[in-house]
Amino acid sequence: MITFLLIALLILLLGYLFFVPAWRGNGNTPPKGRDQLNWALHLERQADLAQEGTLAEELDRLTHESERNLLDDLNQAETAVHGKDASKGRRTLLTALILIPLLGGLLYLKFGRPELLENPPQAAQESARVAIKALASRLTEKPDDLEGWILLGRSLQTTERPEEAAKAFEMAMKLAPEDLDIQVSLAESLAEAQDGRLQGRPIEMVRKILQKNPKHKLALWLSGLESAQSGDTQSALKSWQQLRAEFTPGSDEAVELEGYLHQLDPNAASSTQGDQKPQGTSIRVRVTLAKELAAKADPNDTVFIFAKAAEGPPMPLAVVRKIVRDLPIEVQLDDSMSMMAGMNLSKFERLLIGARISKSGRPVASSGDLEGLSEPVTPSQGAHYDITIQRVIP
């Protein structure tokens, strides 16, 4: 919404630049030809007087009279431009410049679609569906198009159609059975088709991939995720530590993995122990799930309870991981949960406190997740905050 308004304002200001000459009066300046004509007539009149042999005294009188007429003519032209008519023109122009955007805005609010500024148009989604359908139709005619099947599978994943995506990757695997990237994409789609759970065929495929390439990034991620889902914290830590080593320290991927590792580290659970002395800022957060959304959450879905800077980096400053069956629950967030040095609760004046039910098990928000988020707050030591998960992420 803000972006749209800024763009509209910029266009309006650019449009106003075209009216600057009219405002300054440049457009009303009389043609130079008229001034030049008056001057030429004056010179011609003086020449005629000289040729007629007019007496000196009479010549002076007629010359002064001609000059007075010339000045009067020029003054009248100047008055016509910059006098009453120019002033009236400026008032009319100013009124128009004010009324045009106001009337345009009112007409848009009445007859336009301002809600589309906040919600993406359905036309874009329909366009994606048409494109996917066209690609699928083409592949029926050219079933040996490997890149086409991969593109179709990824497109179906993006539009949250994992069962169909898995079928597309199955077709791609027939054309390239040794391609590990295709295999892991198929495993991921199969897991998404069973609500993000990797047990069964997905994890079996992942393990075979890691036997062939122990550093395969997506396979390491899925392996750690399956271990975390199964409660095998040590195996999950091992997989994600290996994965973190594949990224540059401080990169977005490495920082995100630090957050996952922190959630799995046994020390992260120390915030729930009564004899643990909080480090720096410490707050308590109670999380509940709105009744109207209870049917949309599985008891085993992951819940992330977090605090992040209201103005600052998007990554959480402190996170606790639970599951839906734990709700309602109260947890403690404090500086000991910092994922990076210097990035903790006490370093920021205002925080956003929230909780999100992740359908994929990942901390990054995605469509279909359930979320509750506070307004920006100034944290105080030992403060309590109530968060209700009451919104579905579109």
Protein backbone atom coordinates (compact mmCIF):
# COMPACT_ATOMS: atom_id res chain seq x y z
CA MET A 1 0.00 0.00 0.00
CA ILE A 2 2.77 2.47 0.96
CA THR A 3 4.75 1.58 -2.16
CA PHE A 4 1.69 2.22 -4.35
CA LEU A 5 1.07 5.62 -2.74
CA LEU A 6 4.72 6.67 -3.13
CA ILE A 7 4.71 5.72 -6.81
CA ALA A 8 1.43 7.58 -7.36
CA LEU A 9 2.84 10.67 -5.61
CA LEU A 10 6.01 10.55 -7.72
CA ILE A 11 3.98 10.35 -10.94
CA LEU A 12 1.82 13.27 -9.77
CA LEU A 13 4.89 15.42 -9.02
CA LEU A 14 6.40 14.61 -12.40
CA GLY A 15 3.13 15.61 -14.03
CA TYR A 16 3.13 18.92 -12.15
CA LEU A 17 6.51 19.80 -13.68
CA PHE A 18 4.77 20.28 -17.04
CA PHE A 19 2.68 23.06 -15.50
CA VAL A 20 5.68 25.09 -14.26
CA PRO A 21 5.96 27.20 -17.44
CA ALA A 22 2.26 28.05 -17.29
CA TRP A 23 2.54 28.99 -13.61
CA ARG A 24 5.49 31.27 -14.26
CA GLY A 25 3.59 32.90 -17.08
CA ASN A 26 5.90 31.82 -19.87
CA GLY A 27 3.02 30.58 -21.91
CA ASN A 28 1.29 33.99 -21.90
CA THR A 29 4.23 36.09 -23.15
CA PRO A 30 3.11 38.07 -26.22
CA PRO A 31 4.83 37.20 -29.47
CA LYS A 32 8.14 38.98 -29.94
CA GLY A 33 6.99 39.86 -33.43
CA ARG A 34 4.56 42.44 -32.09
CA ASP A 35 7.23 44.30 -30.08
CA GLN A 36 9.55 44.26 -33.06
CA LEU A 37 6.79 45.59 -35.31
CA ASN A 38 6.06 48.48 -32.93
CA TRP A 39 9.74 49.35 -32.80
CA ALA A 40 10.07 49.20 -36.60
CA LEU A 41 7.05 51.50 -37.01
CA HIS A 42 8.56 53.96 -34.54
CA LEU A 43 11.86 54.07 -36.45
CA GLU A 44 10.00 54.45 -39.74
CA ARG A 45 7.98 57.35 -38.33
CA GLN A 46 11.17 59.11 -37.23
CA ALA A 47 12.72 58.65 -40.66
CA ASP A 48 9.63 60.09 -42.36
CA LEU A 49 9.70 63.14 -40.10
CA ALA A 50 13.36 63.74 -40.90
CA GLN A 51 12.77 63.42 -44.65
CA GLU A 52 9.81 65.84 -44.58
CA GLY A 53 12.17 68.57 -43.42
CA THR A 54 10.20 69.25 -40.30
CA LEU A 55 11.42 72.07 -38.16
CA ALA A 56 13.71 71.05 -35.31
CA GLU A 57 11.24 72.11 -32.59
CA GLU A 58 8.36 70.34 -34.30
CA LEU A 59 10.56 67.30 -34.99
CA ASP A 60 11.42 67.01 -31.30
CA ARG A 61 7.75 67.25 -30.32
CA LEU A 62 6.63 64.58 -32.83
CA THR A 63 9.55 62.31 -31.89
CA HIS A 64 8.64 62.51 -28.18
CA GLU A 65 5.02 61.80 -29.04
CA SER A 66 6.03 58.73 -31.08
CA GLU A 67 8.19 57.44 -28.23
CA ARG A 68 5.32 57.95 -25.76
CA ASN A 69 2.99 55.96 -28.00
CA LEU A 70 5.56 53.17 -28.24
CA LEU A 71 5.95 52.99 -24.45
CA ASP A 72 2.18 53.10 -23.92
CA ASP A 73 1.75 50.20 -26.36
CA LEU A 74 4.42 48.11 -24.64
CA ASN A 75 2.99 48.85 -21.17
CA GLN A 76 -0.47 47.80 -22.28
CA ALA A 77 0.90 44.49 -23.60
CA GLU A 78 2.78 43.84 -20.33
CA THR A 79 -0.33 44.63 -18.28
CA ALA A 80 -2.39 42.26 -20.39
CA VAL A 81 0.02 39.45 -19.63
CA HIS A 82 0.93 40.03 -15.98
CA GLY A 83 -2.06 41.89 -14.73
CA LYS A 84 -5.57 40.77 -13.97
CA ASP A 85 -5.71 38.00 -16.59
CA ALA A 86 -2.40 36.42 -15.43
CA SER A 87 -3.52 36.47 -11.81
CA LYS A 88 -6.84 34.91 -12.73
CA GLY A 89 -5.04 32.26 -14.80
CA ARG A 90 -2.82 31.29 -11.89
CA ARG A 91 -5.80 30.90 -9.56
CA THR A 92 -7.53 28.68 -12.11
CA LEU A 93 -4.39 26.59 -12.60
CA LEU A 94 -3.86 26.20 -8.84
CA THR A 95 -7.47 25.13 -8.34
CA ALA A 96 -7.15 22.53 -11.11
CA LEU A 97 -3.89 21.14 -9.72
CA ILE A 98 -5.50 20.66 -6.30
CA LEU A 99 -8.82 19.27 -7.48
CA ILE A 100 -7.49 16.76 -10.04
CA PRO A 101 -5.70 14.43 -7.55
CA LEU A 102 -8.48 14.82 -4.96
CA LEU A 103 -11.20 13.94 -7.44
CA GLY A 104 -9.08 11.10 -8.83
CA GLY A 105 -8.57 9.62 -5.35
CA LEU A 106 -12.25 9.89 -4.46
CA LEU A 107 -13.31 8.26 -7.73
CA TYR A 108 -10.79 5.43 -7.20
CA LEU A 109 -12.05 4.78 -3.67
CA LYS A 110 -15.63 4.67 -4.92
CA PHE A 111 -15.29 2.78 -8.18
CA GLY A 112 -11.80 1.20 -7.99
CA ARG A 113 -10.43 -1.85 -6.18
CA PRO A 114 -8.28 -0.52 -3.30
CA GLU A 115 -8.34 -3.92 -1.58
CA LEU A 116 -6.06 -5.20 -4.32
CA LEU A 117 -3.28 -3.04 -2.88
CA GLU A 118 -3.17 -5.37 0.14
CA ASN A 119 -4.13 -8.70 -1.44
CA PRO A 120 -2.55 -10.13 -4.57
CA PRO A 121 -5.01 -10.30 -7.47
CA GLN A 122 -6.57 -13.64 -8.30
CA ALA A 123 -5.63 -12.96 -11.92
CA ALA A 124 -1.96 -13.65 -11.12
CA GLN A 125 -2.83 -17.01 -9.56
CA GLU A 126 -5.04 -17.87 -12.49
CA SER A 127 -2.25 -16.94 -14.88
CA ALA A 128 0.09 -19.33 -13.06
CA ARG A 129 -2.47 -22.13 -13.28
CA VAL A 130 -2.91 -21.54 -17.01
CA ALA A 131 0.86 -21.60 -17.57
CA ILE A 132 1.25 -24.84 -15.61
CA LYS A 133 -1.61 -26.42 -17.53
CA ALA A 134 -0.03 -25.39 -20.83
CA LEU A 135 3.33 -26.84 -19.78
CA ALA A 136 1.72 -30.13 -18.71
CA SER A 137 -0.12 -30.33 -22.02
CA ARG A 138 3.09 -29.77 -23.96
CA LEU A 139 4.86 -32.50 -21.98
CA THR A 140 2.22 -35.04 -23.01
CA GLU A 141 3.37 -34.41 -26.58
CA LYS A 142 7.09 -34.32 -25.68
CA PRO A 143 7.48 -36.70 -22.72
CA ASP A 144 11.29 -36.83 -23.15
CA ASP A 145 11.72 -33.16 -22.15
CA LEU A 146 13.70 -33.51 -18.91
CA GLU A 147 13.93 -29.79 -18.15
CA GLY A 148 10.21 -29.45 -18.79
CA TRP A 149 9.34 -32.10 -16.18
CA ILE A 150 11.68 -30.49 -13.64
CA LEU A 151 10.14 -27.07 -14.27
CA LEU A 152 6.65 -28.52 -13.96
CA GLY A 153 7.52 -30.23 -10.68
CA ARG A 154 8.95 -27.07 -9.15
CA SER A 155 6.01 -24.99 -10.36
CA LEU A 156 3.57 -27.42 -8.76
CA GLN A 157 5.58 -27.34 -5.54
CA THR A 158 5.41 -23.55 -5.50
CA THR A 159 1.63 -23.61 -5.99
CA GLU A 160 1.24 -26.14 -3.15
CA ARG A 161 0.27 -29.16 -5.24
CA PRO A 162 2.81 -31.67 -3.88
CA GLU A 163 1.09 -34.85 -5.10
CA GLU A 164 1.17 -33.61 -8.70
CA ALA A 165 4.72 -32.30 -8.21
CA ALA A 166 5.82 -35.77 -7.10
CA LYS A 167 4.39 -37.28 -10.29
CA ALA A 168 6.30 -34.75 -12.40
CA PHE A 169 9.57 -35.56 -10.60
CA GLU A 170 8.86 -39.29 -11.05
CA MET A 171 8.74 -38.66 -14.81
CA ALA A 172 11.98 -36.69 -14.62
CA MET A 173 13.66 -39.53 -12.70
CA LYS A 174 12.82 -41.96 -15.50
CA LEU A 175 14.80 -39.72 -17.86
CA ALA A 176 17.69 -39.10 -15.43
CA PRO A 177 17.67 -41.86 -12.78
CA GLU A 178 21.10 -40.88 -11.36
CA ASP A 179 20.35 -37.18 -10.89
CA LEU A 180 20.48 -36.61 -7.11
CA ASP A 181 18.81 -33.19 -7.32
CA ILE A 182 15.75 -34.73 -8.96
CA GLN A 183 15.70 -37.52 -6.38
CA VAL A 184 15.79 -35.12 -3.44
CA SER A 185 13.08 -32.94 -5.05
CA LEU A 186 10.90 -36.03 -5.32
CA ALA A 187 11.57 -36.90 -1.67
CA GLU A 188 10.66 -33.37 -0.62
CA SER A 189 7.41 -33.46 -2.62
CA LEU A 190 6.46 -36.83 -1.15
CA ALA A 191 7.04 -35.44 2.33
CA GLU A 192 4.95 -32.35 1.60
CA ALA A 193 2.17 -34.61 0.35
CA GLN A 194 2.06 -36.24 3.80
CA ASP A 195 1.88 -32.95 5.72
CA GLY A 196 5.61 -32.42 5.91
CA ARG A 197 6.39 -35.77 7.53
CA LEU A 198 9.49 -37.43 6.10
CA GLN A 199 8.96 -40.93 7.48
CA GLY A 200 8.73 -43.76 4.96
CA ARG A 201 9.85 -43.44 1.38
CA PRO A 202 11.04 -39.80 1.62
CA ILE A 203 13.68 -40.46 4.28
CA GLU A 204 14.74 -43.69 2.59
CA MET A 205 15.48 -41.74 -0.57
CA VAL A 206 17.32 -39.06 1.41
CA ARG A 207 19.59 -41.61 3.06
CA LYS A 208 20.48 -43.16 -0.31
CA ILE A 209 21.32 -39.71 -1.65
CA LEU A 210 23.63 -39.00 1.29
CA GLN A 211 25.40 -42.32 0.74
CA LYS A 212 26.31 -41.12 -2.74
CA ASN A 213 26.96 -37.49 -1.78
CA PRO A 214 27.37 -36.84 1.99
CA LYS A 215 27.46 -33.07 1.37
CA HIS A 216 24.23 -32.75 -0.60
CA LYS A 217 22.67 -29.65 0.99
CA LEU A 218 18.95 -30.31 0.61
CA ALA A 219 19.42 -33.94 1.60
CA LEU A 220 21.29 -32.89 4.77
CA TRP A 221 18.50 -30.48 5.59
CA LEU A 222 15.78 -33.10 5.13
CA SER A 223 17.78 -35.67 7.09
CA GLY A 224 18.08 -33.31 10.06
CA LEU A 225 14.41 -32.38 9.80
CA GLU A 226 13.33 -36.03 9.89
CA SER A 227 15.53 -36.67 12.93
CA ALA A 228 14.03 -33.65 14.70
CA GLN A 229 10.51 -34.86 13.86
CA SER A 230 11.38 -38.27 15.31
CA GLY A 231 12.84 -36.78 18.49
CA ASP A 232 16.42 -37.81 17.65
CA THR A 233 18.05 -34.51 18.60
CA GLN A 234 21.66 -35.69 18.33
CA SER A 235 21.22 -36.96 14.77
CA ALA A 236 19.44 -33.74 13.79
CA LEU A 237 22.30 -31.68 15.28
CA LYS A 238 24.86 -33.73 13.37
CA SER A 239 23.08 -33.32 10.02
CA TRP A 240 22.54 -29.58 10.39
CA GLN A 241 26.06 -28.96 11.66
CA GLN A 242 27.36 -30.66 8.54
CA LEU A 243 25.04 -28.52 6.46
CA ARG A 244 26.14 -25.30 8.19
CA ALA A 245 29.74 -26.10 7.27
CA GLU A 246 28.75 -25.93 3.59
CA PHE A 247 27.83 -22.23 3.85
CA THR A 248 29.93 -19.12 4.35
CA PRO A 249 29.93 -18.01 8.03
CA GLY A 250 27.55 -15.08 8.49
CA SER A 251 25.59 -15.80 5.30
CA ASP A 252 21.78 -15.86 5.45
CA GLU A 253 21.78 -19.66 5.20
CA ALA A 254 24.36 -20.05 7.98
CA VAL A 255 22.48 -17.66 10.28
CA GLU A 256 19.20 -19.50 9.66
CA LEU A 257 20.85 -22.81 10.47
CA GLU A 258 22.26 -21.33 13.68
CA GLY A 259 18.68 -20.73 14.72
CA TYR A 260 17.68 -24.33 14.06
CA LEU A 261 20.71 -25.66 15.89
CA HIS A 262 19.97 -23.42 18.84
CA GLN A 263 16.45 -24.83 19.03
CA LEU A 264 17.84 -28.36 19.16
CA ASP A 265 20.70 -27.70 21.57
CA PRO A 266 19.87 -29.00 25.07
CA ASN A 267 21.00 -25.65 26.55
CA ALA A 268 18.13 -23.95 24.73
CA ALA A 269 15.71 -25.83 26.96
CA SER A 270 17.34 -24.43 30.08
CA SER A 271 15.03 -21.41 29.88
CA THR A 272 12.24 -23.59 31.24
CA GLN A 273 14.16 -24.53 34.36
CA GLY A 274 13.29 -22.54 37.44
CA ASP A 275 16.85 -22.51 38.81
CA GLN A 276 18.32 -20.98 35.65
CA LYS A 277 19.27 -17.35 36.12
CA PRO A 278 18.27 -15.36 33.03
CA GLN A 279 21.00 -13.51 31.19
CA GLY A 280 20.25 -9.87 30.36
CA THR A 281 16.69 -9.15 29.26
CA SER A 282 14.19 -11.90 30.02
CA ILE A 283 10.48 -11.95 29.17
CA ARG A 284 7.66 -14.47 29.58
CA VAL A 285 5.33 -15.26 26.68
CA ARG A 286 2.05 -17.15 26.97
CA VAL A 287 0.74 -18.58 23.70
CA THR A 288 -2.78 -19.78 22.93
CA LEU A 289 -4.48 -20.93 19.74
CA ALA A 290 -7.75 -19.27 18.71
CA LYS A 291 -10.67 -21.73 18.80
CA GLU A 292 -11.72 -20.91 15.25
CA LEU A 293 -8.31 -22.09 13.97
CA ALA A 294 -8.03 -25.26 16.06
CA ALA A 295 -9.27 -27.43 13.19
CA LYS A 296 -6.51 -26.11 10.93
CA ALA A 297 -3.68 -27.26 13.21
CA ASP A 298 -2.39 -30.80 13.64
CA PRO A 299 -1.30 -31.75 17.20
CA ASN A 300 2.17 -32.57 15.86
CA ASP A 301 2.65 -29.32 13.92
CA THR A 302 5.69 -27.30 14.98
CA VAL A 303 5.18 -24.08 16.94
CA PHE A 304 7.85 -21.38 16.95
CA ILE A 305 7.62 -18.81 19.76
CA PHE A 306 9.95 -15.91 19.06
CA ALA A 307 10.95 -12.30 19.57
CA LYS A 308 12.58 -10.15 16.91
CA ALA A 309 13.55 -6.52 16.49
CA ALA A 310 10.70 -4.19 15.52
CA GLU A 311 13.21 -2.12 13.54
CA GLY A 312 16.20 -4.19 12.57
CA PRO A 313 17.26 -7.55 11.15
CA PRO A 314 14.41 -9.96 10.33
CA MET A 315 15.94 -13.00 12.02
CA PRO A 316 14.64 -13.88 15.52
CA LEU A 317 16.62 -12.73 18.53
CA ALA A 318 15.26 -15.58 20.67
CA VAL A 319 13.24 -18.67 19.74
CA VAL A 320 11.61 -21.59 21.53
CA ARG A 321 10.30 -24.56 19.58
CA LYS A 322 7.23 -26.51 20.70
CA ILE A 323 4.36 -28.46 19.10
CA VAL A 324 0.66 -27.71 18.89
CA ARG A 325 -0.34 -30.26 21.51
CA ASP A 326 1.67 -28.23 24.06
CA LEU A 327 -0.67 -25.24 23.68
CA PRO A 328 -1.57 -23.23 25.64
CA ILE A 329 1.93 -22.79 27.00
CA GLU A 330 4.12 -20.18 28.68
CA VAL A 331 7.81 -19.93 27.83
CA GLN A 332 10.72 -17.67 28.64
CA LEU A 333 12.75 -15.77 26.06
CA ASP A 334 16.06 -14.20 27.10
CA ASP A 335 19.47 -13.06 25.92
CA SER A 336 20.99 -16.53 26.32
CA MET A 337 19.06 -17.60 23.21
CA SER A 338 20.90 -15.20 20.90
CA MET A 339 21.83 -16.82 17.59
CA MET A 340 24.70 -14.38 16.94
CA ALA A 341 26.95 -12.30 19.17
CA GLY A 342 25.41 -8.90 19.81
CA MET A 343 22.03 -9.92 18.42
CA ASN A 344 19.94 -10.37 21.55
CA LEU A 345 16.85 -8.93 23.21
CA SER A 346 18.63 -6.31 25.30
CA LYS A 347 20.23 -4.71 22.23
CA PHE A 348 16.94 -3.44 20.81
CA GLU A 349 14.51 -0.91 22.25
CA ARG A 350 11.38 -2.34 20.64
CA LEU A 351 10.45 -5.93 19.90
CA LEU A 352 7.82 -7.87 17.99
CA ILE A 353 6.74 -10.96 19.90
CA GLY A 354 4.97 -13.74 18.08
CA ALA A 355 4.15 -17.39 17.63
CA ARG A 356 3.71 -19.34 14.43
CA ILE A 357 2.44 -22.82 13.68
CA SER A 358 4.61 -24.04 10.81
CA LYS A 359 3.09 -26.66 8.51
CA SER A 360 6.49 -27.39 6.97
CA GLY A 361 8.42 -27.47 10.24
CA ARG A 362 10.59 -24.57 9.06
CA PRO A 363 10.96 -21.24 10.89
CA VAL A 364 10.51 -19.27 7.66
CA ALA A 365 6.84 -18.33 7.27
CA SER A 366 4.98 -19.85 4.35
CA SER A 367 1.44 -19.85 2.99
CA GLY A 368 -1.00 -21.76 5.22
CA ASP A 369 0.95 -21.26 8.45
CA LEU A 370 -0.96 -19.92 11.47
CA GLU A 371 0.43 -16.88 13.24
CA GLY A 372 -0.07 -14.42 16.06
CA LEU A 373 2.05 -11.27 16.38
CA SER A 374 2.17 -8.42 18.87
CA GLU A 375 2.42 -4.74 18.19
CA PRO A 376 5.91 -3.28 18.78
CA VAL A 377 6.63 -3.33 22.53
CA THR A 378 9.39 -1.98 24.74
CA PRO A 379 10.55 -5.00 26.76
CA SER A 380 11.10 -4.78 30.49
CA GLN A 381 12.78 -7.37 32.67
CA GLY A 382 10.34 -10.12 33.67
CA ALA A 383 7.43 -8.71 31.63
CA HIS A 384 4.61 -11.05 30.52
CA TYR A 385 3.04 -11.01 27.07
CA ASP A 386 0.00 -12.88 25.75
CA ILE A 387 0.03 -14.01 22.13
CA THR A 388 -2.99 -15.56 20.42
CA ILE A 389 -2.45 -17.43 17.16
CA GLN A 390 -5.43 -16.14 15.21
CA ARG A 391 -4.33 -15.50 11.62
CA VAL A 392 -3.76 -17.71 8.58
CA ILE A 393 -0.82 -16.56 6.45
CA PRO A 394 -2.15 -16.15 2.87
